[in-house]
N, C-alpha and C. Protein backbone atom coordinates (compact mmCIF):
# COMPACT_ATOMS: atom_id res chain seq x y z
N UNK A 1 117.81 83.15 104.03
CA UNK A 1 117.84 81.95 104.86
C UNK A 1 116.20 81.82 105.35
N UNK A 2 115.89 80.72 105.67
CA UNK A 2 114.57 80.59 105.96
C UNK A 2 114.64 80.69 107.53
N UNK A 3 113.84 81.67 107.97
CA UNK A 3 113.30 82.14 109.48
C UNK A 3 112.18 81.08 109.97
N UNK A 4 111.02 81.04 109.27
CA UNK A 4 110.02 80.17 109.74
C UNK A 4 109.82 79.09 108.90
N UNK A 5 110.39 77.76 109.04
CA UNK A 5 110.12 76.52 108.56
C UNK A 5 108.72 75.98 108.39
N UNK A 6 108.01 76.24 109.20
CA UNK A 6 106.67 75.89 109.12
C UNK A 6 105.81 76.53 108.01
N UNK A 7 105.88 77.80 107.73
CA UNK A 7 105.29 78.66 106.85
C UNK A 7 106.23 78.84 105.24
N UNK A 8 107.75 78.44 105.45
CA UNK A 8 108.34 78.79 104.58
C UNK A 8 109.01 80.13 104.14
N UNK A 9 108.93 80.90 105.23
CA UNK A 9 109.05 82.38 105.24
C UNK A 9 110.68 82.76 105.39
N UNK A 10 111.08 83.43 104.30
CA UNK A 10 112.60 83.81 104.49
C UNK A 10 112.94 85.11 105.09
N UNK A 11 114.29 85.50 105.39
CA UNK A 11 114.51 86.81 106.00
C UNK A 11 114.25 87.74 104.70
N UNK A 12 114.33 87.41 103.42
CA UNK A 12 114.22 88.37 102.48
C UNK A 12 112.70 88.72 102.25
N UNK A 13 111.70 87.76 102.62
CA UNK A 13 110.28 87.93 102.62
C UNK A 13 110.11 88.94 103.90
N UNK A 14 110.74 88.84 104.88
CA UNK A 14 110.56 89.77 106.12
C UNK A 14 110.84 91.07 105.73
N UNK A 15 112.14 91.30 104.94
CA UNK A 15 112.65 92.41 104.75
C UNK A 15 111.64 93.24 103.67
N UNK A 16 111.17 92.43 102.68
CA UNK A 16 110.32 92.86 101.62
C UNK A 16 108.94 93.52 102.25
N UNK A 17 108.64 92.74 103.22
CA UNK A 17 107.22 93.25 103.92
C UNK A 17 107.51 94.60 104.62
N UNK A 18 108.59 94.81 105.08
CA UNK A 18 109.09 95.96 105.82
C UNK A 18 109.06 97.10 104.84
N UNK A 19 109.96 96.63 103.78
CA UNK A 19 109.99 97.85 102.70
C UNK A 19 108.74 98.23 102.13
N UNK A 20 107.92 97.30 102.09
CA UNK A 20 106.25 97.66 101.43
C UNK A 20 105.57 98.28 102.78
N UNK A 21 105.92 98.64 103.83
CA UNK A 21 105.22 99.34 104.68
C UNK A 21 104.98 98.72 106.16
N UNK A 22 105.20 97.51 106.23
CA UNK A 22 105.09 96.81 107.58
C UNK A 22 105.98 97.45 108.46
N UNK A 23 105.67 97.88 109.75
CA UNK A 23 106.43 98.48 110.53
C UNK A 23 106.51 98.00 112.07
N UNK A 24 106.14 96.88 112.20
CA UNK A 24 106.08 96.20 113.37
C UNK A 24 106.09 94.70 113.34
N UNK A 25 106.43 93.91 114.34
CA UNK A 25 106.14 92.35 114.28
C UNK A 25 104.81 92.06 114.09
N UNK A 26 103.97 92.62 114.42
CA UNK A 26 102.44 92.19 114.22
C UNK A 26 101.94 92.54 112.84
N UNK A 27 102.67 93.62 112.10
CA UNK A 27 102.27 93.96 110.70
C UNK A 27 102.93 92.82 110.07
N UNK A 28 104.00 92.51 110.30
CA UNK A 28 104.82 91.16 109.36
C UNK A 28 104.01 89.91 109.78
N UNK A 29 103.61 89.75 110.97
CA UNK A 29 102.88 88.63 111.18
C UNK A 29 101.62 88.36 110.36
N UNK A 30 100.97 89.40 110.55
CA UNK A 30 99.65 89.65 109.79
C UNK A 30 99.77 89.34 108.37
N UNK A 31 100.76 90.05 107.76
CA UNK A 31 100.80 90.01 106.31
C UNK A 31 101.49 88.30 105.97
N UNK A 32 102.43 88.01 106.67
CA UNK A 32 102.94 86.77 106.26
C UNK A 32 102.75 85.46 106.90
N UNK A 33 101.71 85.74 107.85
CA UNK A 33 101.25 84.52 108.79
C UNK A 33 102.52 83.98 109.39
N UNK A 34 103.44 84.65 109.66
CA UNK A 34 104.69 84.44 110.63
C UNK A 34 104.45 84.07 112.02
N UNK A 35 105.07 83.07 112.39
CA UNK A 35 104.94 82.82 113.84
C UNK A 35 103.65 82.25 114.57
N UNK A 36 102.88 81.88 113.43
CA UNK A 36 101.40 81.40 113.87
C UNK A 36 101.44 79.83 114.19
N UNK A 37 102.33 79.13 113.89
CA UNK A 37 102.31 77.70 114.08
C UNK A 37 103.08 77.27 115.35
N UNK A 38 104.51 77.00 115.39
CA UNK A 38 104.98 76.68 116.41
C UNK A 38 105.60 77.67 117.19
N UNK A 39 106.07 78.99 116.46
CA UNK A 39 106.37 80.19 117.15
C UNK A 39 108.06 80.22 117.33
N UNK A 40 108.65 79.23 117.03
CA UNK A 40 110.25 79.31 117.21
C UNK A 40 110.84 80.16 116.33
N UNK A 41 110.05 80.70 115.55
CA UNK A 41 110.80 81.83 114.55
C UNK A 41 110.60 83.33 115.14
N UNK A 42 109.80 83.37 115.96
CA UNK A 42 109.50 84.87 116.52
C UNK A 42 110.66 85.48 116.85
N UNK A 43 111.64 84.93 117.69
CA UNK A 43 112.87 85.80 118.24
C UNK A 43 113.59 86.09 117.17
N UNK A 44 114.04 85.44 115.89
CA UNK A 44 114.87 85.78 114.82
C UNK A 44 114.01 86.72 114.10
N UNK A 45 112.75 86.38 114.16
CA UNK A 45 111.98 87.31 113.16
C UNK A 45 111.97 88.80 113.70
N UNK A 46 111.89 88.90 114.89
CA UNK A 46 111.84 90.09 115.82
C UNK A 46 113.15 90.86 115.65
N UNK A 47 114.08 89.88 115.56
CA UNK A 47 115.47 90.77 115.57
C UNK A 47 115.79 91.29 114.13
N UNK A 48 115.39 90.36 113.02
CA UNK A 48 115.46 90.99 111.65
C UNK A 48 114.45 92.14 111.34
N UNK A 49 113.39 92.07 111.80
CA UNK A 49 112.55 93.33 111.91
C UNK A 49 112.98 94.75 112.48
N UNK A 50 113.66 94.32 113.80
CA UNK A 50 114.28 95.55 114.50
C UNK A 50 115.49 96.22 113.74
N UNK A 51 116.40 95.21 113.07
CA UNK A 51 117.32 95.69 112.25
C UNK A 51 117.09 96.33 111.26
N UNK A 52 116.01 95.77 110.52
CA UNK A 52 115.56 96.54 109.13
C UNK A 52 114.95 97.87 109.52
N UNK A 53 114.10 98.05 110.51
CA UNK A 53 113.51 99.23 110.77
C UNK A 53 114.55 100.29 111.31
N UNK A 54 115.59 99.74 112.09
CA UNK A 54 116.57 100.61 112.58
C UNK A 54 117.47 101.11 111.41
N UNK A 55 117.75 100.33 110.41
CA UNK A 55 118.52 100.65 109.12
C UNK A 55 117.79 101.78 108.57
N UNK A 56 116.36 101.47 108.17
CA UNK A 56 115.68 102.58 107.55
C UNK A 56 115.68 103.93 108.14
N UNK A 57 115.49 103.75 109.50
CA UNK A 57 115.49 105.01 110.39
C UNK A 57 116.79 105.76 110.26
N UNK A 58 117.94 105.17 110.33
CA UNK A 58 119.28 105.76 110.20
C UNK A 58 119.53 106.39 108.75
N UNK A 59 118.72 105.65 107.62
CA UNK A 59 119.05 106.20 106.40
C UNK A 59 118.16 107.64 106.24
N UNK A 60 117.09 107.58 106.88
CA UNK A 60 116.12 108.72 106.86
C UNK A 60 116.92 109.94 107.73
N UNK A 61 117.73 109.45 108.87
CA UNK A 61 118.05 110.59 109.61
C UNK A 61 119.42 111.21 108.70
N UNK A 62 120.08 110.40 108.23
CA UNK A 62 121.14 111.03 107.25
C UNK A 62 120.78 111.80 106.28
N UNK A 63 119.58 111.41 105.42
CA UNK A 63 119.04 112.23 104.38
C UNK A 63 118.33 113.31 104.86
N UNK A 64 118.15 113.60 106.04
CA UNK A 64 117.36 114.73 106.52
C UNK A 64 118.38 115.77 106.80
């Protein structure tokens, strides 16, 4: 689904950025130019980022 209509950024783009090492909203914003136009996507983007980081952390905890 599109998260940022201004820049054409999808939830998968955000998830891919996190999988490739981004670990904060700021990192994702800098990589994808997310939330730099109207800013309406920021709350949804933050939620996706938080969920992805939590999922990765729980996988690491289970593996340890």
